[in-house]
Amino acid sequence: MIINNESAQLNMSERIAIETGICRGESFKKIAKRISRHPTTVSHEVKANRTCIKGHFYLGNNCKFVKRCSRTGLCNSACPYSCRSCKGHNCNEICDHYVSSECTRYLKPPYVCNNCPDKKLCCKTKYIYSAKYADAAVTRRRSESRIGIRITDEQFREMDELITKYVKKGQPLTHIYAEHEKELPVCLRSIYNYIDAGDMTIKNIDLRRKTGYRKRKGKKSQTGSLQAYREGRTYEEFQKNAKHSLIYEYESVEMDTVLGRKGSGKRLLTMIFRKNSVMLLFLLPDGTADSVKSVFNYLEFGLGIETFRRLFPVILTDNGSEFKRPIELEYNDDLMPRTSIYYCDPMASWQKSRIEKNHEFIRYVIPKGVSMNGFTDEDITLLMNHINSVKRPSLGNKAPYELIADDDEDMHELMYLLEMDLIPADEVHLDPSLFKSK
């Protein structure tokens, strides 16, 4: 067997070969021979970059005896409620009768469930190796840089006209560069440098975001008793669970609301998938918990509870009054579990940074202080499609919609339900004139 390129990083084609080999039931040795790598390289790649998909258990408890368990008071308190559904304590850690029902096949080669015959019907925690997700995870961990080049006056004039045209339409500079990279003779950083130097028609004032981050203040210690709705659902608990399951890092969903004018009136419920940055927008008639619950019920009814569970296994949100009835969101009207809710610390919006940053796209079109009472569901769907069609450097110069795999049936079912469609790159419009009739 000839081994070469061991000093080089695995590329996408090699990862696809690894995924294909695993799905065919081939050994690491056979896969390694095909891509001219050492078997330990393949083994390490699979274990380091596999994706954990958290299982769905009765009451969220993976104990073998949970369905017939009636134990109470394991925490040495006078609590009369059943320990198996307690959110304040994990009964699995303190119960001497606990027996895990989790599958342990992933502890042995091939360390994933791609080729498992029981995968489709299995509701236990699974590990999947996906070439796309593995490559994306490695790319995020690798720093990239570009070097600019000298250009002629003619090249500079053409570049200036192209960029000015689309900036005036409200498109972010990163989106323009992602779509027209082959037409531009310099890197994105060089374009910013030309703008800073005042050499181009557009100026810094034409760019929506020239960011200067202030140093974060230290986290204040929380005093007093923990509010009841946050018990067992704090950000600390979220991080603790993330150490044991990648689903909290890659498959979780961040949730928030965006106001129009202060006070009563319509507002937006926003959700963003961490795995692909697709953001969902829903127009709420008000800021009540019932309005948020109605969106959850609509999604569950349209998708089915199993698809809902796979798409929204874990939701991270803030402490707004509209989210303070977690039981009604975590369980449907038939008391069937459908998701798990966790709360960021007070005044710590950076803990759900993806959705906070994505809100800036909404403000390009609906500035702060503008009432949303005149908008319709069709308007918000249009805005959602334009936002999710913006190409971004953090996504490999892809738009969120473009990261949805062809075989991701759950996401495609959601797109059909919410009428989500990719907007052609040059037609993306992100300023208030998007709603010409408003």
Protein backbone atom coordinates (compact mmCIF):
# COMPACT_ATOMS: atom_id res chain seq x y z
CA MET A 1 0.00 0.00 0.00
CA ILE A 2 1.36 3.40 -1.01
CA ILE A 3 0.84 6.16 1.51
CA ASN A 4 1.30 9.77 0.48
CA ASN A 5 0.09 13.26 1.32
CA GLU A 6 0.04 12.42 5.02
CA SER A 7 1.20 15.93 5.85
CA ALA A 8 -1.68 17.50 3.90
CA GLN A 9 -5.16 18.20 5.17
CA LEU A 10 -7.98 15.93 4.03
CA ASN A 11 -10.00 17.55 1.26
CA MET A 12 -13.68 17.36 0.41
CA SER A 13 -13.29 14.57 -2.15
CA GLU A 14 -11.43 12.42 0.38
CA ARG A 15 -14.11 13.04 2.98
CA ILE A 16 -16.77 12.05 0.46
CA ALA A 17 -14.81 8.83 -0.19
CA ILE A 18 -14.71 8.17 3.56
CA GLU A 19 -18.47 8.76 3.92
CA THR A 20 -19.18 6.53 0.91
CA GLY A 21 -16.93 3.76 2.23
CA ILE A 22 -18.58 3.82 5.65
CA CYS A 23 -22.05 3.64 4.09
CA ARG A 24 -20.90 0.59 2.09
CA GLY A 25 -19.67 -1.12 5.25
CA GLU A 26 -15.99 -1.03 4.23
CA SER A 27 -13.19 -1.19 6.80
CA PHE A 28 -10.98 1.81 7.58
CA LYS A 29 -8.07 -0.07 6.02
CA LYS A 30 -9.87 -0.43 2.70
CA ILE A 31 -11.04 3.20 2.72
CA ALA A 32 -7.53 4.41 3.58
CA LYS A 33 -6.04 2.41 0.70
CA ARG A 34 -8.44 4.02 -1.77
CA ILE A 35 -7.48 7.59 -0.76
CA SER A 36 -3.79 6.77 -0.09
CA ARG A 37 -3.97 7.55 3.62
CA HIS A 38 -3.13 5.67 6.79
CA PRO A 39 -6.06 3.87 8.48
CA THR A 40 -5.49 5.83 11.71
CA THR A 41 -5.94 9.05 9.73
CA VAL A 42 -9.37 7.87 8.59
CA SER A 43 -10.28 6.71 12.09
CA HIS A 44 -9.25 10.03 13.64
CA GLU A 45 -11.16 11.99 10.98
CA VAL A 46 -14.38 10.08 11.67
CA LYS A 47 -14.19 10.40 15.45
CA ALA A 48 -13.13 14.06 15.38
CA ASN A 49 -15.69 15.30 12.87
CA ARG A 50 -18.75 13.06 13.29
CA THR A 51 -22.06 14.69 14.16
CA CYS A 52 -24.08 13.64 17.20
CA ILE A 53 -27.86 13.52 16.78
CA LYS A 54 -29.51 13.39 20.18
CA GLY A 55 -32.09 10.67 20.64
CA HIS A 56 -35.75 11.13 21.52
CA PHE A 57 -36.68 9.41 24.76
CA TYR A 58 -39.82 9.24 26.83
CA LEU A 59 -39.90 12.46 28.90
CA GLY A 60 -36.40 13.13 27.59
CA ASN A 61 -35.00 10.47 29.93
CA ASN A 62 -32.86 7.64 28.48
CA CYS A 63 -33.23 5.29 31.44
CA LYS A 64 -34.31 1.77 30.55
CA PHE A 65 -37.02 1.79 33.26
CA VAL A 66 -38.37 5.33 32.77
CA LYS A 67 -41.85 4.33 31.52
CA ARG A 68 -42.71 2.34 34.64
CA CYS A 69 -40.64 4.30 37.18
CA SER A 70 -42.57 6.04 39.98
CA ARG A 71 -39.74 7.11 42.30
CA THR A 72 -39.89 10.49 44.05
CA GLY A 73 -37.65 12.43 46.44
CA LEU A 74 -34.27 11.23 45.09
CA CYS A 75 -32.83 14.68 45.71
CA ASN A 76 -33.53 14.24 49.44
CA SER A 77 -36.20 16.91 49.35
CA ALA A 78 -39.89 16.84 50.12
CA CYS A 79 -40.69 17.17 46.42
CA PRO A 80 -43.86 15.13 45.65
CA TYR A 81 -43.34 15.07 41.89
CA SER A 82 -42.01 12.19 39.86
CA CYS A 83 -38.20 12.25 39.52
CA ARG A 84 -38.27 10.99 35.94
CA SER A 85 -39.70 14.29 34.62
CA CYS A 86 -37.82 16.66 36.97
CA LYS A 87 -36.09 19.61 35.28
CA GLY A 88 -34.21 20.73 38.37
CA HIS A 89 -32.15 17.56 38.84
CA ASN A 90 -31.01 14.78 36.57
CA CYS A 91 -32.35 11.64 38.23
CA ASN A 92 -29.98 9.50 36.15
CA GLU A 93 -27.04 10.86 38.14
CA ILE A 94 -28.45 10.12 41.58
CA CYS A 95 -30.63 7.05 41.06
CA ASP A 96 -29.05 3.68 41.93
CA HIS A 97 -31.51 1.87 39.64
CA TYR A 98 -30.52 3.83 36.53
CA VAL A 99 -29.65 1.71 33.48
CA SER A 100 -28.92 3.51 30.22
CA SER A 101 -30.88 2.43 27.15
CA GLU A 102 -28.40 4.15 24.83
CA CYS A 103 -26.82 2.14 22.02
CA THR A 104 -23.06 1.57 22.42
CA ARG A 105 -22.22 0.43 18.88
CA TYR A 106 -20.63 3.80 18.15
CA LEU A 107 -17.82 2.98 20.62
CA LYS A 108 -16.40 0.48 18.14
CA PRO A 109 -15.35 0.97 14.49
CA PRO A 110 -16.67 2.58 12.38
CA TYR A 111 -17.73 4.79 15.34
CA VAL A 112 -20.82 6.05 13.46
CA CYS A 113 -24.29 4.81 12.50
CA ASN A 114 -24.19 5.50 8.75
CA ASN A 115 -24.40 1.82 7.82
CA CYS A 116 -26.51 0.60 10.72
CA PRO A 117 -29.57 -1.36 9.48
CA ASP A 118 -31.63 0.01 12.40
CA LYS A 119 -30.78 3.68 11.75
CA LYS A 120 -34.10 4.77 10.24
CA LEU A 121 -36.27 3.39 13.04
CA CYS A 122 -33.82 4.04 15.89
CA CYS A 123 -34.78 6.83 18.31
CA LYS A 124 -31.58 6.60 20.36
CA THR A 125 -28.61 8.95 20.15
CA LYS A 126 -26.82 8.49 16.83
CA TYR A 127 -23.46 9.53 15.42
CA ILE A 128 -23.34 10.30 11.71
CA TYR A 129 -20.33 11.08 9.55
CA SER A 130 -21.23 13.60 6.84
CA ALA A 131 -18.52 14.82 4.45
CA LYS A 132 -20.24 18.20 4.13
CA TYR A 133 -20.56 18.84 7.85
CA ALA A 134 -17.07 17.48 8.56
CA ASP A 135 -15.50 19.74 5.95
CA ALA A 136 -17.44 22.73 7.26
CA ALA A 137 -16.32 22.03 10.83
CA VAL A 138 -12.66 21.84 9.78
CA THR A 139 -12.96 24.99 7.66
CA ARG A 140 -14.33 26.94 10.63
CA ARG A 141 -11.28 25.93 12.63
CA ARG A 142 -8.85 26.99 9.98
CA SER A 143 -7.89 30.62 9.51
CA GLU A 144 -7.85 31.93 5.95
CA SER A 145 -6.25 34.98 4.39
CA ARG A 146 -6.08 36.56 0.96
CA ILE A 147 -3.42 38.69 -0.67
CA GLY A 148 -4.40 41.59 -2.93
CA ILE A 149 -2.81 42.31 -6.32
CA ARG A 150 -2.05 45.43 -8.37
CA ILE A 151 -4.70 46.37 -10.94
CA THR A 152 -4.92 48.73 -13.91
CA ASP A 153 -7.02 51.90 -14.05
CA GLU A 154 -9.50 50.17 -16.33
CA GLN A 155 -9.88 47.23 -13.95
CA PHE A 156 -10.35 49.61 -11.03
CA ARG A 157 -13.05 51.61 -12.89
CA GLU A 158 -15.02 48.45 -13.78
CA MET A 159 -14.74 47.18 -10.21
CA ASP A 160 -15.88 50.54 -8.82
CA GLU A 161 -18.95 50.64 -11.10
CA LEU A 162 -19.96 47.06 -10.27
CA ILE A 163 -19.65 47.46 -6.50
CA THR A 164 -21.36 50.86 -6.45
CA LYS A 165 -24.32 49.50 -8.45
CA TYR A 166 -25.13 46.76 -5.95
CA VAL A 167 -24.29 48.67 -2.77
CA LYS A 168 -26.91 51.23 -3.83
CA LYS A 169 -29.43 48.34 -3.89
CA GLY A 170 -28.68 47.63 -0.24
CA GLN A 171 -26.59 44.49 -0.80
CA PRO A 172 -23.79 43.81 1.75
CA LEU A 173 -20.26 44.02 0.36
CA THR A 174 -19.62 40.41 1.39
CA HIS A 175 -22.62 39.25 -0.67
CA ILE A 176 -21.46 41.20 -3.72
CA TYR A 177 -17.97 39.74 -3.46
CA ALA A 178 -19.26 36.18 -3.04
CA GLU A 179 -21.37 36.43 -6.20
CA HIS A 180 -18.87 38.35 -8.38
CA GLU A 181 -15.55 37.09 -7.03
CA LYS A 182 -14.38 35.93 -10.49
CA GLU A 183 -15.06 39.38 -11.94
CA LEU A 184 -13.17 41.24 -9.21
CA PRO A 185 -9.36 41.45 -9.54
CA VAL A 186 -8.70 41.93 -5.80
CA CYS A 187 -9.68 40.27 -2.53
CA LEU A 188 -12.43 41.52 -0.24
CA ARG A 189 -9.93 42.98 2.22
CA SER A 190 -8.38 45.11 -0.55
CA ILE A 191 -11.81 46.48 -1.47
CA TYR A 192 -12.33 47.58 2.12
CA ASN A 193 -8.87 49.21 2.04
CA TYR A 194 -9.75 51.13 -1.15
CA ILE A 195 -12.96 52.37 0.50
CA ASP A 196 -11.12 53.37 3.68
CA ALA A 197 -8.64 55.33 1.56
CA GLY A 198 -11.47 57.17 -0.21
CA ASP A 199 -10.45 55.89 -3.66
CA MET A 200 -13.86 54.49 -4.61
CA THR A 201 -17.20 56.12 -5.37
CA ILE A 202 -18.83 54.59 -2.31
CA LYS A 203 -17.57 55.67 1.11
CA ASN A 204 -17.64 54.12 4.55
CA ILE A 205 -20.90 55.94 5.22
CA ASP A 206 -22.50 53.89 2.43
CA LEU A 207 -21.60 50.65 4.21
CA ARG A 208 -24.08 49.67 6.86
CA ARG A 209 -21.53 48.15 9.15
CA LYS A 210 -18.06 49.37 10.04
CA THR A 211 -17.71 47.33 13.20
CA GLY A 212 -15.84 48.25 16.33
CA TYR A 213 -16.43 45.75 19.15
CA ARG A 214 -16.17 46.97 22.69
CA LYS A 215 -14.58 44.75 25.27
CA ARG A 216 -17.17 42.63 27.04
CA LYS A 217 -17.78 43.35 30.65
CA GLY A 218 -17.30 40.59 33.17
CA LYS A 219 -20.33 38.52 33.98
CA LYS A 220 -22.12 39.76 37.06
CA SER A 221 -22.84 37.24 39.75
CA GLN A 222 -26.49 36.36 40.03
CA THR A 223 -28.04 36.76 43.42
CA GLY A 224 -31.34 35.61 44.74
CA SER A 225 -33.30 32.49 43.89
CA LEU A 226 -33.49 31.22 40.33
CA GLN A 227 -36.80 32.01 38.64
CA ALA A 228 -38.98 28.92 38.33
CA TYR A 229 -39.18 28.89 34.54
CA ARG A 230 -35.35 28.82 34.27
CA GLU A 231 -34.80 25.85 36.59
CA GLY A 232 -32.92 23.17 34.68
CA ARG A 233 -32.92 25.37 31.58
CA THR A 234 -30.07 27.82 32.20
CA TYR A 235 -27.23 28.57 29.80
CA GLU A 236 -24.92 26.71 32.17
CA GLU A 237 -27.08 23.60 31.73
CA PHE A 238 -27.01 24.15 27.95
CA GLN A 239 -23.19 24.24 27.96
CA LYS A 240 -23.03 21.21 30.24
CA ASN A 241 -25.15 19.17 27.83
CA ALA A 242 -23.11 20.46 24.87
CA LYS A 243 -20.06 18.64 26.27
CA HIS A 244 -21.85 15.32 25.84
CA SER A 245 -23.76 15.93 22.59
CA LEU A 246 -22.78 17.91 19.48
CA ILE A 247 -26.48 18.47 18.83
CA TYR A 248 -26.38 21.42 21.25
CA GLU A 249 -23.59 23.05 19.21
CA TYR A 250 -24.56 22.23 15.62
CA GLU A 251 -28.25 21.24 15.59
CA SER A 252 -29.70 23.67 18.12
CA VAL A 253 -31.88 26.64 17.15
CA GLU A 254 -31.63 30.19 18.51
CA MET A 255 -34.87 32.14 19.04
CA ASP A 256 -35.73 35.81 19.67
CA THR A 257 -38.22 38.56 18.83
CA VAL A 258 -37.79 41.84 16.93
CA LEU A 259 -39.97 44.82 17.80
CA GLY A 260 -41.30 47.60 15.58
CA ARG A 261 -42.36 50.61 17.57
CA LYS A 262 -42.13 50.28 21.31
CA GLY A 263 -45.32 49.18 22.98
CA SER A 264 -48.08 47.01 21.58
CA GLY A 265 -48.47 45.93 18.00
CA LYS A 266 -47.06 43.41 15.58
CA ARG A 267 -43.54 42.06 15.94
CA LEU A 268 -41.37 39.29 14.52
CA LEU A 269 -40.54 35.91 16.03
CA THR A 270 -37.13 34.87 14.67
CA MET A 271 -35.37 31.50 14.68
CA ILE A 272 -32.00 30.56 13.21
CA PHE A 273 -30.55 27.10 12.61
CA ARG A 274 -26.96 26.93 13.81
CA LYS A 275 -26.11 24.21 11.28
CA ASN A 276 -26.76 26.36 8.19
CA SER A 277 -27.71 29.89 9.39
CA VAL A 278 -31.16 29.71 7.78
CA MET A 279 -33.36 32.21 9.63
CA LEU A 280 -37.13 31.86 10.00
CA LEU A 281 -39.39 34.90 10.40
CA PHE A 282 -42.96 34.83 11.74
CA LEU A 283 -45.24 37.85 12.09
CA LEU A 284 -46.85 37.90 15.55
CA PRO A 285 -49.96 39.96 16.32
CA ASP A 286 -48.54 40.84 19.75
CA GLY A 287 -45.85 39.91 22.25
CA THR A 288 -47.77 37.32 24.26
CA ALA A 289 -46.76 33.76 25.08
CA ASP A 290 -49.92 32.52 23.33
CA SER A 291 -48.71 34.00 20.02
CA VAL A 292 -45.39 32.18 20.30
CA LYS A 293 -47.16 28.94 21.20
CA SER A 294 -49.40 29.28 18.13
CA VAL A 295 -46.29 29.37 15.89
CA PHE A 296 -44.98 26.16 17.51
CA ASN A 297 -48.37 24.49 17.06
CA TYR A 298 -48.51 25.62 13.41
CA LEU A 299 -45.06 24.19 12.68
CA GLU A 300 -45.86 20.91 14.45
CA PHE A 301 -49.18 20.55 12.61
CA GLY A 302 -47.61 21.33 9.23
CA LEU A 303 -44.49 19.17 9.67
CA GLY A 304 -45.61 16.39 11.99
CA ILE A 305 -44.19 15.93 15.46
CA GLU A 306 -41.28 13.67 14.41
CA THR A 307 -40.03 16.13 11.78
CA PHE A 308 -40.52 18.98 14.27
CA ARG A 309 -38.37 17.13 16.83
CA ARG A 310 -35.58 16.57 14.31
CA LEU A 311 -35.57 20.19 13.15
CA PHE A 312 -35.99 21.82 16.57
CA PRO A 313 -34.41 19.43 19.12
CA VAL A 314 -33.01 22.22 21.31
CA ILE A 315 -33.96 25.93 21.35
CA LEU A 316 -31.88 28.65 23.03
CA THR A 317 -33.65 31.94 23.74
CA ASP A 318 -33.66 34.96 26.04
CA ASN A 319 -35.76 35.81 29.08
CA GLY A 320 -38.53 37.76 27.34
CA SER A 321 -42.00 37.48 28.84
CA GLU A 322 -43.27 35.75 25.68
CA PHE A 323 -40.93 32.80 26.36
CA LYS A 324 -41.59 32.34 30.08
CA ARG A 325 -44.04 29.43 29.71
CA PRO A 326 -41.56 26.76 28.58
CA ILE A 327 -43.77 23.75 29.32
CA GLU A 328 -46.29 24.92 26.69
CA LEU A 329 -43.47 25.16 24.13
CA GLU A 330 -41.66 21.94 25.09
CA TYR A 331 -44.85 19.85 25.04
CA ASN A 332 -47.82 19.91 22.70
CA ASP A 333 -51.46 19.91 23.79
CA ASP A 334 -51.36 16.09 24.09
CA LEU A 335 -48.36 16.41 26.47
CA MET A 336 -46.02 14.83 23.91
CA PRO A 337 -42.45 16.20 24.14
CA ARG A 338 -41.38 18.10 21.03
CA THR A 339 -38.33 20.21 22.01
CA SER A 340 -36.17 21.44 24.91
CA ILE A 341 -35.96 25.13 25.85
CA TYR A 342 -32.90 26.81 27.40
CA TYR A 343 -32.41 30.44 28.46
CA CYS A 344 -29.42 32.73 28.09
CA ASP A 345 -28.18 34.59 31.14
CA PRO A 346 -29.83 38.00 31.71
CA MET A 347 -28.12 40.79 29.73
CA ALA A 348 -25.99 38.25 27.83
CA SER A 349 -27.33 38.39 24.28
CA TRP A 350 -23.90 37.33 22.97
CA GLN A 351 -24.71 33.80 24.11
CA LYS A 352 -27.01 33.55 21.08
CA SER A 353 -24.81 35.65 18.82
CA ARG A 354 -25.89 34.12 15.50
CA ILE A 355 -29.45 35.38 15.66
CA GLU A 356 -28.47 38.72 17.18
CA LYS A 357 -26.09 39.37 14.28
CA ASN A 358 -28.66 38.22 11.73
CA HIS A 359 -31.15 40.78 13.04
CA GLU A 360 -29.11 43.50 11.32
CA PHE A 361 -30.44 42.23 7.97
CA ILE A 362 -33.98 42.85 9.21
CA ARG A 363 -33.06 46.38 10.26
CA TYR A 364 -31.74 47.13 6.77
CA VAL A 365 -35.34 46.85 5.55
CA ILE A 366 -37.37 47.66 8.71
CA PRO A 367 -35.41 50.29 10.70
CA LYS A 368 -35.89 50.65 14.44
CA GLY A 369 -38.98 52.63 15.36
CA VAL A 370 -40.92 51.67 12.22
CA SER A 371 -44.28 50.08 13.05
CA MET A 372 -44.86 46.55 11.72
CA ASN A 373 -48.66 46.84 11.88
CA GLY A 374 -48.87 47.45 8.13
CA PHE A 375 -46.95 44.33 7.15
CA THR A 376 -48.52 41.03 6.09
CA ASP A 377 -47.29 37.44 6.30
CA GLU A 378 -46.45 37.62 2.58
CA ASP A 379 -44.21 40.67 3.20
CA ILE A 380 -42.30 38.86 5.95
CA THR A 381 -41.90 35.75 3.79
CA LEU A 382 -40.40 37.94 1.05
CA LEU A 383 -37.99 39.53 3.56
CA MET A 384 -37.03 36.10 4.90
CA ASN A 385 -36.19 34.85 1.41
CA HIS A 386 -34.01 37.86 0.61
CA ILE A 387 -32.09 37.56 3.89
CA ASN A 388 -31.48 33.83 3.45
CA SER A 389 -30.20 34.45 -0.10
CA VAL A 390 -27.32 36.72 1.03
CA LYS A 391 -23.93 35.07 0.49
CA ARG A 392 -21.58 35.28 3.49
CA PRO A 393 -17.83 34.68 4.01
CA SER A 394 -18.55 32.75 7.20
CA LEU A 395 -20.52 30.24 5.12
CA GLY A 396 -17.82 29.77 2.49
CA ASN A 397 -19.32 32.52 0.29
CA LYS A 398 -22.60 30.61 0.16
CA ALA A 399 -26.09 31.77 1.06
CA PRO A 400 -27.89 29.92 3.91
CA TYR A 401 -30.38 28.42 1.44
CA GLU A 402 -27.47 27.06 -0.63
CA LEU A 403 -26.19 25.07 2.38
CA ILE A 404 -29.36 22.96 2.55
CA ALA A 405 -28.44 19.51 1.23
CA ASP A 406 -30.53 17.94 -1.53
CA ASP A 407 -31.20 14.92 0.69
CA ASP A 408 -32.20 16.96 3.75
CA GLU A 409 -35.88 16.03 3.54
CA ASP A 410 -36.78 17.76 6.81
CA MET A 411 -35.46 21.16 5.71
CA HIS A 412 -37.08 20.85 2.28
CA GLU A 413 -40.40 20.03 3.95
CA LEU A 414 -40.01 23.16 6.09
CA MET A 415 -39.16 25.26 3.01
CA TYR A 416 -42.29 24.02 1.24
CA LEU A 417 -44.46 24.76 4.27
CA LEU A 418 -43.14 28.33 4.69
CA GLU A 419 -42.79 29.11 0.94
CA MET A 420 -39.03 29.60 1.21
CA ASP A 421 -37.26 30.17 -2.13
CA LEU A 422 -33.74 31.24 -3.14
CA ILE A 423 -33.54 34.74 -4.65
CA PRO A 424 -31.03 35.15 -7.54
CA ALA A 425 -27.89 36.80 -6.15
CA ASP A 426 -28.09 40.01 -8.20
CA GLU A 427 -31.78 40.46 -7.31
CA VAL A 428 -31.23 40.44 -3.55
CA HIS A 429 -32.70 43.66 -2.16
CA LEU A 430 -32.09 44.79 1.41
CA ASP A 431 -33.38 48.30 1.99
CA PRO A 432 -36.85 49.75 2.79
CA SER A 433 -37.76 49.96 -0.90
CA LEU A 434 -38.16 46.16 -0.86
CA PHE A 435 -41.75 46.89 0.19
CA LYS A 436 -42.59 49.48 -2.46
CA SER A 437 -46.26 49.49 -1.57
CA LYS A 438 -45.59 50.29 2.09
